[in-house]
Amino acid sequence: AGLAVASCSGEVLVPLLSTKGGFKLSQLGGGTWQWGNKLLWGYDTKQDATLKEVFQTFTANGANWFDTGDSYGTGELEGRAEELLGQFVKEGDADVLLATKLAAYPWRLTPESMVEAVRGSLGR
């Protein structure tokens, strides 16, 4: 894959990789495991404005992909990371790539249940 460099006002930022599929993927991605996780990370919805700032700073400096999962968040906040990413992408002008995962819950044993989980992630 070829190497390109993201830049803004002539400043070198996060390097980009060109994929065989034609994507420009930053060499630095952001993880969102903590977003919505009260149990391990003490998440509170009051942190959402700060998370949005992190998202905006991250993308403004050339990074363009985030790793998330449908189980990122705890209890009633399950899927919160996907919800926040969806909100931030819709409200901004950053062109980002999202990689999500589906939790291997015991009730997800059929192909239909996995398709339903994918639809849930797309909806967030």
C-alpha atoms as a PDB file:
ATOM      1  CA  ALA A   1       0.000   0.000   0.000  1.00  0.00           C
ATOM      2  CA  GLY A   2       1.207   3.500  -0.823  1.00  0.00           C
ATOM      3  CA  LEU A   3       1.821   6.073   1.869  1.00  0.00           C
ATOM      4  CA  ALA A   4       0.206   9.490   1.773  1.00  0.00           C
ATOM      5  CA  VAL A   5       0.375  12.232   4.377  1.00  0.00           C
ATOM      6  CA  ALA A   6      -2.628  14.088   5.748  1.00  0.00           C
ATOM      7  CA  SER A   7      -2.023  17.803   5.935  1.00  0.00           C
ATOM      8  CA  CYS A   8      -3.815  20.949   7.012  1.00  0.00           C
ATOM      9  CA  SER A   9      -2.341  24.375   6.280  1.00  0.00           C
ATOM     10  CA  GLY A  10       0.910  22.729   5.219  1.00  0.00           C
ATOM     11  CA  GLU A  11       1.347  21.015   8.582  1.00  0.00           C
ATOM     12  CA  VAL A  12       2.124  17.282   8.462  1.00  0.00           C
ATOM     13  CA  LEU A  13      -0.404  15.359  10.495  1.00  0.00           C
ATOM     14  CA  VAL A  14      -1.370  11.686  10.806  1.00  0.00           C
ATOM     15  CA  PRO A  15       0.021   9.632   7.875  1.00  0.00           C
ATOM     16  CA  LEU A  16      -2.508   7.839   5.673  1.00  0.00           C
ATOM     17  CA  LEU A  17      -2.264   4.431   4.039  1.00  0.00           C
ATOM     18  CA  SER A  18      -3.889   3.636   0.703  1.00  0.00           C
ATOM     19  CA  THR A  19      -5.703   0.296   0.806  1.00  0.00           C
ATOM     20  CA  LYS A  20      -6.286  -2.059  -2.119  1.00  0.00           C
ATOM     21  CA  GLY A  21      -9.973  -1.196  -1.793  1.00  0.00           C
ATOM     22  CA  GLY A  22      -9.260   2.467  -2.445  1.00  0.00           C
ATOM     23  CA  PHE A  23      -9.658   3.712   1.116  1.00  0.00           C
ATOM     24  CA  LYS A  24      -7.317   6.235   2.690  1.00  0.00           C
ATOM     25  CA  LEU A  25      -6.878   4.923   6.223  1.00  0.00           C
ATOM     26  CA  SER A  26      -4.971   6.827   8.881  1.00  0.00           C
ATOM     27  CA  GLN A  27      -2.153   4.966  10.585  1.00  0.00           C
ATOM     28  CA  LEU A  28      -3.673   6.043  13.898  1.00  0.00           C
ATOM     29  CA  GLY A  29      -7.171   4.972  14.889  1.00  0.00           C
ATOM     30  CA  GLY A  30      -9.295   5.710  17.931  1.00  0.00           C
ATOM     31  CA  GLY A  31     -10.761   3.130  20.287  1.00  0.00           C
ATOM     32  CA  THR A  32     -14.095   3.748  21.994  1.00  0.00           C
ATOM     33  CA  TRP A  33     -14.326   0.946  24.564  1.00  0.00           C
ATOM     34  CA  GLN A  34     -14.585   3.453  27.407  1.00  0.00           C
ATOM     35  CA  TRP A  35     -17.457   5.426  25.831  1.00  0.00           C
ATOM     36  CA  GLY A  36     -20.561   4.403  27.745  1.00  0.00           C
ATOM     37  CA  ASN A  37     -18.811   2.040  30.146  1.00  0.00           C
ATOM     38  CA  LYS A  38     -19.824   2.992  33.691  1.00  0.00           C
ATOM     39  CA  LEU A  39     -18.554  -0.181  35.303  1.00  0.00           C
ATOM     40  CA  LEU A  40     -14.886  -0.083  34.289  1.00  0.00           C
ATOM     41  CA  TRP A  41     -14.378   3.526  33.179  1.00  0.00           C
ATOM     42  CA  GLY A  42     -16.858   5.566  35.229  1.00  0.00           C
ATOM     43  CA  TYR A  43     -18.575   6.951  32.138  1.00  0.00           C
ATOM     44  CA  ASP A  44     -21.229   9.616  32.643  1.00  0.00           C
ATOM     45  CA  THR A  45     -23.263  11.338  29.914  1.00  0.00           C
ATOM     46  CA  LYS A  46     -21.801  14.624  31.181  1.00  0.00           C
ATOM     47  CA  GLN A  47     -18.587  13.492  29.443  1.00  0.00           C
ATOM     48  CA  ASP A  48     -20.212  13.516  25.992  1.00  0.00           C
ATOM     49  CA  ALA A  49     -19.127  17.094  25.194  1.00  0.00           C
ATOM     50  CA  THR A  50     -15.529  16.159  26.009  1.00  0.00           C
ATOM     51  CA  LEU A  51     -15.759  13.011  23.887  1.00  0.00           C
ATOM     52  CA  LYS A  52     -17.045  15.134  21.009  1.00  0.00           C
ATOM     53  CA  GLU A  53     -14.037  17.447  21.421  1.00  0.00           C
ATOM     54  CA  VAL A  54     -11.733  14.424  21.328  1.00  0.00           C
ATOM     55  CA  PHE A  55     -13.457  13.201  18.159  1.00  0.00           C
ATOM     56  CA  GLN A  56     -13.188  16.622  16.509  1.00  0.00           C
ATOM     57  CA  THR A  57      -9.528  17.098  17.472  1.00  0.00           C
ATOM     58  CA  PHE A  58      -8.664  13.587  16.346  1.00  0.00           C
ATOM     59  CA  THR A  59     -10.284  14.000  12.924  1.00  0.00           C
ATOM     60  CA  ALA A  60      -9.103  17.601  12.441  1.00  0.00           C
ATOM     61  CA  ASN A  61      -5.554  16.316  12.720  1.00  0.00           C
ATOM     62  CA  GLY A  62      -5.906  13.697  10.005  1.00  0.00           C
ATOM     63  CA  ALA A  63      -6.971  10.553  11.847  1.00  0.00           C
ATOM     64  CA  ASN A  64     -10.008   9.027  10.195  1.00  0.00           C
ATOM     65  CA  TRP A  65     -10.983   5.684  11.701  1.00  0.00           C
ATOM     66  CA  PHE A  66     -12.518   4.456  14.925  1.00  0.00           C
ATOM     67  CA  ASP A  67     -12.876   1.019  16.438  1.00  0.00           C
ATOM     68  CA  THR A  68     -16.105   0.342  18.336  1.00  0.00           C
ATOM     69  CA  GLY A  69     -18.493  -2.466  19.231  1.00  0.00           C
ATOM     70  CA  ASP A  70     -22.178  -2.971  19.855  1.00  0.00           C
ATOM     71  CA  SER A  71     -21.444  -3.905  23.463  1.00  0.00           C
ATOM     72  CA  TYR A  72     -19.356  -0.805  24.206  1.00  0.00           C
ATOM     73  CA  GLY A  73     -21.368   0.668  27.007  1.00  0.00           C
ATOM     74  CA  THR A  74     -22.835  -1.103  30.009  1.00  0.00           C
ATOM     75  CA  GLY A  75     -26.383  -2.008  30.945  1.00  0.00           C
ATOM     76  CA  GLU A  76     -28.869   0.507  29.555  1.00  0.00           C
ATOM     77  CA  LEU A  77     -25.958   2.227  27.791  1.00  0.00           C
ATOM     78  CA  GLU A  78     -25.106  -0.780  25.633  1.00  0.00           C
ATOM     79  CA  GLY A  79     -24.209   0.496  22.158  1.00  0.00           C
ATOM     80  CA  ARG A  80     -23.474   3.983  23.518  1.00  0.00           C
ATOM     81  CA  ALA A  81     -20.107   4.224  21.750  1.00  0.00           C
ATOM     82  CA  GLU A  82     -21.768   3.517  18.396  1.00  0.00           C
ATOM     83  CA  GLU A  83     -24.495   6.060  19.183  1.00  0.00           C
ATOM     84  CA  LEU A  84     -21.975   8.773  20.042  1.00  0.00           C
ATOM     85  CA  LEU A  85     -19.864   8.083  16.954  1.00  0.00           C
ATOM     86  CA  GLY A  86     -22.971   8.203  14.774  1.00  0.00           C
ATOM     87  CA  GLN A  87     -23.995  11.514  16.329  1.00  0.00           C
ATOM     88  CA  PHE A  88     -20.534  13.063  15.979  1.00  0.00           C
ATOM     89  CA  VAL A  89     -20.207  11.962  12.343  1.00  0.00           C
ATOM     90  CA  LYS A  90     -23.657  13.357  11.459  1.00  0.00           C
ATOM     91  CA  GLU A  91     -22.954  16.678  13.200  1.00  0.00           C
ATOM     92  CA  GLY A  92     -19.513  17.187  11.666  1.00  0.00           C
ATOM     93  CA  ASP A  93     -17.876  17.206   8.291  1.00  0.00           C
ATOM     94  CA  ALA A  94     -15.184  14.598   8.904  1.00  0.00           C
ATOM     95  CA  ASP A  95     -14.961  11.670   6.512  1.00  0.00           C
ATOM     96  CA  VAL A  96     -14.399   8.723   8.851  1.00  0.00           C
ATOM     97  CA  LEU A  97     -14.296   4.960   8.674  1.00  0.00           C
ATOM     98  CA  LEU A  98     -15.876   2.927  11.461  1.00  0.00           C
ATOM     99  CA  ALA A  99     -14.984  -0.625  12.409  1.00  0.00           C
ATOM    100  CA  THR A 100     -17.455  -2.294  14.736  1.00  0.00           C
ATOM    101  CA  LYS A 101     -17.703  -5.711  16.276  1.00  0.00           C
ATOM    102  CA  LEU A 102     -20.630  -7.749  17.481  1.00  0.00           C
ATOM    103  CA  ALA A 103     -20.540  -9.285  20.943  1.00  0.00           C
ATOM    104  CA  ALA A 104     -20.749 -13.068  21.024  1.00  0.00           C
ATOM    105  CA  TYR A 105     -23.755 -13.192  23.328  1.00  0.00           C
ATOM    106  CA  PRO A 106     -25.333 -16.588  24.039  1.00  0.00           C
ATOM    107  CA  TRP A 107     -28.574 -15.442  22.376  1.00  0.00           C
ATOM    108  CA  ARG A 108     -26.739 -14.719  19.124  1.00  0.00           C
ATOM    109  CA  LEU A 109     -26.500 -18.246  17.879  1.00  0.00           C
ATOM    110  CA  THR A 110     -28.285 -17.976  14.543  1.00  0.00           C
ATOM    111  CA  PRO A 111     -27.442 -16.128  11.360  1.00  0.00           C
ATOM    112  CA  GLU A 112     -30.679 -14.164  11.756  1.00  0.00           C
ATOM    113  CA  SER A 113     -29.660 -12.914  15.206  1.00  0.00           C
ATOM    114  CA  MET A 114     -26.343 -11.692  13.811  1.00  0.00           C
ATOM    115  CA  VAL A 115     -28.092  -9.874  10.956  1.00  0.00           C
ATOM    116  CA  GLU A 116     -30.373  -8.226  13.523  1.00  0.00           C
ATOM    117  CA  ALA A 117     -27.305  -7.132  15.516  1.00  0.00           C
ATOM    118  CA  VAL A 118     -25.710  -5.647  12.370  1.00  0.00           C
ATOM    119  CA  ARG A 119     -28.909  -3.720  11.675  1.00  0.00           C
ATOM    120  CA  GLY A 120     -28.832  -2.401  15.242  1.00  0.00           C
ATOM    121  CA  SER A 121     -25.258  -1.175  14.789  1.00  0.00           C
ATOM    122  CA  LEU A 122     -26.110   0.488  11.475  1.00  0.00           C
ATOM    123  CA  GLY A 123     -29.043   2.236  13.138  1.00  0.00           C
ATOM    124  CA  ARG A 124     -26.829   3.735  15.818  1.00  0.00           C
END
